[in-house]
Protein backbone atom coordinates (compact mmCIF):
# COMPACT_ATOMS: atom_id res chain seq x y z
CA MET A 1 13.69 -41.99 -156.23
CA LYS A 2 14.50 -39.07 -158.49
CA VAL A 3 18.08 -38.68 -159.69
CA LEU A 4 19.62 -35.87 -161.81
CA PHE A 5 22.95 -36.29 -163.59
CA MET A 6 24.71 -33.18 -164.53
CA CYS A 7 27.78 -32.17 -166.47
CA THR A 8 29.08 -29.06 -168.26
CA ALA A 9 27.23 -29.20 -171.62
CA ASN A 10 24.77 -32.07 -171.29
CA SER A 11 26.13 -33.49 -174.57
CA CYS A 12 28.14 -36.50 -173.36
CA ARG A 13 28.71 -37.58 -169.75
CA SER A 14 25.31 -36.79 -168.18
CA GLN A 15 23.60 -38.09 -171.35
CA MET A 16 25.37 -41.40 -170.95
CA ALA A 17 24.41 -41.55 -167.30
CA GLU A 18 20.83 -40.86 -168.19
CA ALA A 19 20.78 -43.66 -170.80
CA TRP A 20 22.47 -46.11 -168.32
CA ALA A 21 20.07 -45.13 -165.57
CA CYS A 22 17.08 -45.69 -167.78
CA ARG A 23 18.39 -49.23 -168.31
CA LEU A 24 19.75 -50.04 -164.86
CA PHE A 25 17.51 -48.16 -162.41
CA PRO A 26 14.27 -49.73 -161.03
CA ASP A 27 11.28 -48.95 -163.13
CA ASP A 28 9.69 -46.68 -160.49
CA TRP A 29 12.72 -44.42 -160.30
CA SER A 30 12.95 -41.17 -162.29
CA VAL A 31 16.09 -39.94 -164.00
CA ALA A 32 17.04 -36.76 -165.83
CA SER A 33 20.20 -35.03 -167.05
CA ALA A 34 21.16 -31.41 -167.47
CA GLY A 35 24.11 -29.15 -168.19
CA LEU A 36 25.36 -25.78 -167.13
CA VAL A 37 25.05 -24.93 -170.80
CA THR A 38 23.76 -27.11 -173.63
CA PHE A 39 25.20 -28.50 -176.80
CA PRO A 40 23.79 -31.18 -179.08
CA ILE A 41 24.50 -34.81 -178.06
CA THR A 42 27.64 -35.79 -179.98
CA ASP A 43 27.82 -38.60 -182.54
CA TYR A 44 30.63 -40.16 -180.51
CA THR A 45 28.42 -40.25 -177.49
CA ARG A 46 25.63 -41.96 -179.40
CA ALA A 47 28.06 -44.38 -181.01
CA ALA A 48 29.68 -45.37 -177.65
CA MET A 49 26.25 -46.02 -176.14
CA ALA A 50 25.08 -48.00 -179.18
CA GLU A 51 28.13 -50.22 -178.80
CA ALA A 52 26.81 -51.05 -175.32
CA GLY A 53 23.36 -51.78 -176.69
CA LEU A 54 21.79 -48.51 -175.52
CA ALA A 55 19.85 -46.28 -177.92
CA MET A 56 19.41 -42.68 -176.91
CA GLU A 57 16.26 -41.89 -178.94
CA GLY A 58 14.33 -39.11 -177.31
CA GLN A 59 17.22 -37.77 -175.27
CA ARG A 60 18.13 -34.16 -175.83
CA SER A 61 20.30 -31.55 -174.17
CA LYS A 62 18.59 -29.68 -171.29
CA PRO A 63 19.74 -26.66 -169.30
CA LEU A 64 20.07 -26.86 -165.55
CA ASP A 65 17.75 -23.92 -165.03
CA GLY A 66 14.85 -26.09 -166.29
CA PHE A 67 14.94 -28.11 -163.06
CA GLU A 68 14.11 -27.54 -159.44
CA LEU A 69 17.13 -29.17 -157.84
CA ASP A 70 15.60 -29.76 -154.44
CA ASP A 71 12.97 -31.96 -156.05
CA PHE A 72 15.66 -34.60 -156.59
CA ASP A 73 16.73 -37.22 -154.06
CA LEU A 74 20.26 -37.05 -155.54
CA VAL A 75 22.15 -34.75 -157.89
CA VAL A 76 25.24 -36.35 -159.32
CA THR A 77 27.75 -33.99 -160.98
CA LEU A 78 30.00 -35.62 -163.52
CA SER A 79 32.35 -32.70 -164.22
CA ARG A 80 34.41 -30.47 -162.01
CA GLU A 81 32.65 -27.42 -163.51
CA SER A 82 29.16 -28.68 -162.79
CA GLY A 83 30.14 -29.65 -159.21
CA GLN A 84 31.72 -26.20 -158.70
CA PHE A 85 28.87 -24.15 -160.17
CA LEU A 86 25.93 -26.23 -158.95
CA PRO A 87 23.57 -24.00 -156.93
CA ARG A 88 23.49 -24.82 -153.24
CA LEU A 89 20.97 -27.53 -152.39
CA ALA A 90 18.72 -27.31 -149.33
CA HIS A 91 20.23 -30.70 -148.40
CA PRO A 92 23.90 -30.55 -149.59
CA GLU A 93 24.41 -34.25 -148.77
CA ARG A 94 22.17 -35.01 -151.81
CA HIS A 95 24.96 -33.74 -154.02
CA TRP A 96 27.54 -36.35 -155.15
CA ARG A 97 30.63 -35.32 -157.01
CA ARG A 98 31.83 -38.00 -159.39
CA PRO A 99 33.89 -36.18 -162.07
CA VAL A 100 34.73 -38.11 -165.22
CA ILE A 101 37.36 -37.01 -167.69
CA ASP A 102 35.61 -35.25 -170.60
CA PRO A 103 36.22 -37.22 -173.80
CA MET A 104 35.02 -34.13 -175.74
CA GLY A 105 38.17 -32.31 -174.66
CA LEU A 106 40.55 -34.86 -175.93
CA ARG A 107 42.33 -34.71 -179.28
CA GLY A 108 43.37 -37.54 -181.51
CA GLY A 109 42.27 -39.72 -184.41
CA ASP A 110 38.95 -41.52 -184.72
CA ALA A 111 40.20 -44.66 -182.92
CA GLU A 112 41.58 -42.66 -179.96
CA LEU A 113 38.35 -40.66 -179.60
CA ARG A 114 36.17 -43.78 -179.80
CA ALA A 115 38.32 -45.38 -177.11
CA ALA A 116 38.04 -42.26 -174.88
CA PHE A 117 34.27 -42.26 -175.18
CA ALA A 118 34.04 -45.99 -174.41
CA THR A 119 36.22 -45.45 -171.33
CA ALA A 120 33.92 -42.65 -170.13
CA ARG A 121 30.82 -44.74 -170.90
CA ASP A 122 32.11 -47.61 -168.79
CA GLU A 123 33.16 -45.39 -165.94
CA ILE A 124 29.70 -43.74 -165.95
CA ARG A 125 28.08 -47.19 -165.90
CA ASP A 126 29.90 -47.89 -162.68
CA ILE A 127 28.71 -44.59 -161.20
CA VAL A 128 25.16 -45.32 -162.10
CA LEU A 129 25.48 -48.78 -160.48
CA GLU A 130 26.95 -47.14 -157.35
CA VAL A 131 23.91 -44.78 -157.21
CA ARG A 132 21.50 -47.66 -157.56
CA ALA A 133 23.18 -49.70 -154.81
CA SER A 134 23.48 -46.72 -152.46
CA LEU A 135 19.84 -45.65 -152.84
CA GLY A 136 18.48 -49.14 -152.41
CA GLY A 137 17.78 -50.15 -155.95
CA SER A 138 17.99 -53.94 -156.64
């Protein structure tokens, strides 16, 4: 199986999904992430994933135009924008919309932001587990 996770900037939600999938998907599955645009992975993203025991070494932001979407068995969009602007797939049923509130758009102090990123991290973990179960991963 090949799965692509996509969000708006590939700096938070889709990066979290890629890290979770690398941990939770079967070894013979392939995973990638991309964004409509790209921004560097945020420190809050890395910290939230480190709290869950997931390092993100080697992960970097990647633009959507670097991928042939129809090569993927499933494309999961994690933001409204990425779901709205995803180019049409040859098999539209291979596109799952699973929008997650963007913690990057929230304002507050350090504790509030860390909590928002942790909430997104946990919600994304559940989405990754849903993908695995739906596509037949153990």
